[in-house]
Amino acid sequence: MDDPLGLIGRAGGAGPGGLRPIGPMRGVGGADGAAAGGPKFRELLERELERVNELQRDAMQAAEDLATGRRDDLEGAILATQKADAAFRLLLSVRNKVMEAYEEIKQVRV
């Protein structure tokens, strides 16, 4: 899967662009559910939420600078806006998948 914004690859934290090979899962460590040595899901999600927020702020600043004349780089403003849009759509997709999984788990009878 292509990751033009680097949002997916950065989650791994190793190798070029943050990519690392996928290997067998080594089990779950601790009561908090974090994999041994890896970041917790919550930490990873918070970090990516902050990154999406940063891209949104950059896009708003670029549009404001373009409108006020402090910037004449139309392509840069468009690119910043498209990056923010793509990052937000990816985040929304992840949120929808998590919600689907949650709803599916709720349906499991114990």
Protein backbone atom coordinates (compact mmCIF):
# COMPACT_ATOMS: atom_id res chain seq x y z
CA MET A 1 0.00 0.00 0.00
CA ASP A 2 1.36 3.40 -0.96
CA ASP A 3 1.75 5.93 1.86
CA PRO A 4 2.48 9.34 0.26
CA LEU A 5 2.12 11.26 3.54
CA GLY A 6 4.24 8.92 5.62
CA LEU A 7 1.49 8.52 8.22
CA ILE A 8 1.33 4.75 8.09
CA GLY A 9 5.05 4.06 7.88
CA ARG A 10 5.91 6.40 10.73
CA ALA A 11 3.80 4.28 13.05
CA GLY A 12 6.40 1.50 12.90
CA GLY A 13 9.22 3.78 13.97
CA ALA A 14 12.05 1.81 12.34
CA GLY A 15 13.78 1.73 9.00
CA PRO A 16 13.42 4.11 6.07
CA GLY A 17 10.25 6.12 6.44
CA GLY A 18 9.46 4.22 9.61
CA LEU A 19 8.71 0.97 7.78
CA ARG A 20 9.70 -2.34 9.29
CA PRO A 21 9.01 -5.85 8.06
CA ILE A 22 5.95 -7.57 9.43
CA GLY A 23 6.82 -10.68 11.33
CA PRO A 24 5.02 -13.15 13.55
CA MET A 25 3.34 -11.66 16.58
CA ARG A 26 5.23 -12.43 19.76
CA GLY A 27 2.30 -12.28 22.12
CA VAL A 28 0.89 -9.68 24.42
CA GLY A 29 2.88 -8.46 27.38
CA GLY A 30 1.53 -7.03 30.60
CA ALA A 31 -1.96 -6.35 31.81
CA ASP A 32 -2.29 -3.19 29.71
CA GLY A 33 -2.23 -5.17 26.47
CA ALA A 34 0.86 -3.52 24.97
CA ALA A 35 3.10 -5.71 22.85
CA ALA A 36 6.53 -6.28 24.34
CA GLY A 37 8.72 -3.30 23.48
CA GLY A 38 6.16 -1.60 21.25
CA PRO A 39 4.10 1.52 21.79
CA LYS A 40 0.65 1.21 23.27
CA PHE A 41 -2.27 1.64 20.91
CA ARG A 42 -3.42 4.70 22.81
CA GLU A 43 0.00 6.37 22.56
CA LEU A 44 0.19 5.60 18.86
CA LEU A 45 -3.31 6.95 18.26
CA GLU A 46 -2.63 10.14 20.25
CA ARG A 47 0.58 10.73 18.31
CA GLU A 48 -1.18 10.32 14.97
CA LEU A 49 -4.08 12.53 16.10
CA GLU A 50 -1.58 15.26 16.93
CA ARG A 51 0.07 14.82 13.52
CA VAL A 52 -3.28 15.18 11.73
CA ASN A 53 -4.03 18.26 13.84
CA GLU A 54 -0.64 19.70 12.89
CA LEU A 55 -1.34 19.14 9.19
CA GLN A 56 -4.73 20.85 9.61
CA ARG A 57 -3.08 23.85 11.27
CA ASP A 58 -0.45 24.03 8.52
CA ALA A 59 -3.16 24.01 5.85
CA MET A 60 -5.15 26.73 7.61
CA GLN A 61 -2.02 28.87 8.02
CA ALA A 62 -1.08 28.40 4.35
CA ALA A 63 -4.57 29.41 3.22
CA GLU A 64 -4.55 32.43 5.54
CA ASP A 65 -1.10 33.49 4.33
CA LEU A 66 -2.23 33.15 0.72
CA ALA A 67 -5.39 35.20 1.35
CA THR A 68 -3.54 38.00 3.14
CA GLY A 69 -0.74 38.18 0.60
CA ARG A 70 2.04 37.04 2.92
CA ARG A 71 2.52 34.05 0.66
CA ASP A 72 2.27 33.73 -3.10
CA ASP A 73 2.89 29.97 -3.26
CA LEU A 74 -0.49 28.70 -4.47
CA GLU A 75 0.82 25.19 -5.13
CA GLY A 76 2.22 24.94 -1.60
CA ALA A 77 -1.10 26.00 -0.10
CA ILE A 78 -2.98 23.49 -2.23
CA LEU A 79 -0.53 20.74 -1.31
CA ALA A 80 -0.83 21.51 2.41
CA THR A 81 -4.62 21.40 2.12
CA GLN A 82 -4.55 18.10 0.24
CA LYS A 83 -2.18 16.55 2.78
CA ALA A 84 -4.45 17.62 5.63
CA ASP A 85 -7.50 16.27 3.79
CA ALA A 86 -5.85 12.91 3.06
CA ALA A 87 -4.62 12.57 6.65
CA PHE A 88 -8.07 13.38 8.02
CA ARG A 89 -9.73 10.88 5.68
CA LEU A 90 -7.26 8.19 6.76
CA LEU A 91 -7.94 8.99 10.41
CA LEU A 92 -11.68 8.86 9.80
CA SER A 93 -11.29 5.50 8.07
CA VAL A 94 -9.36 4.10 11.04
CA ARG A 95 -12.01 5.44 13.40
CA ASN A 96 -14.77 3.79 11.37
CA LYS A 97 -12.94 0.44 11.37
CA VAL A 98 -12.42 0.63 15.14
CA MET A 99 -16.11 1.41 15.63
CA GLU A 100 -17.11 -1.50 13.37
CA ALA A 101 -14.88 -3.83 15.40
CA TYR A 102 -16.36 -2.51 18.64
CA GLU A 103 -19.91 -3.06 17.39
CA GLU A 104 -18.99 -6.56 16.28
CA ILE A 105 -17.49 -7.36 19.69
CA LYS A 106 -20.65 -6.05 21.39
CA GLN A 107 -22.68 -8.59 19.43
CA VAL A 108 -20.65 -11.54 20.76
CA ARG A 109 -22.61 -13.54 23.28
CA VAL A 110 -20.76 -14.66 26.33
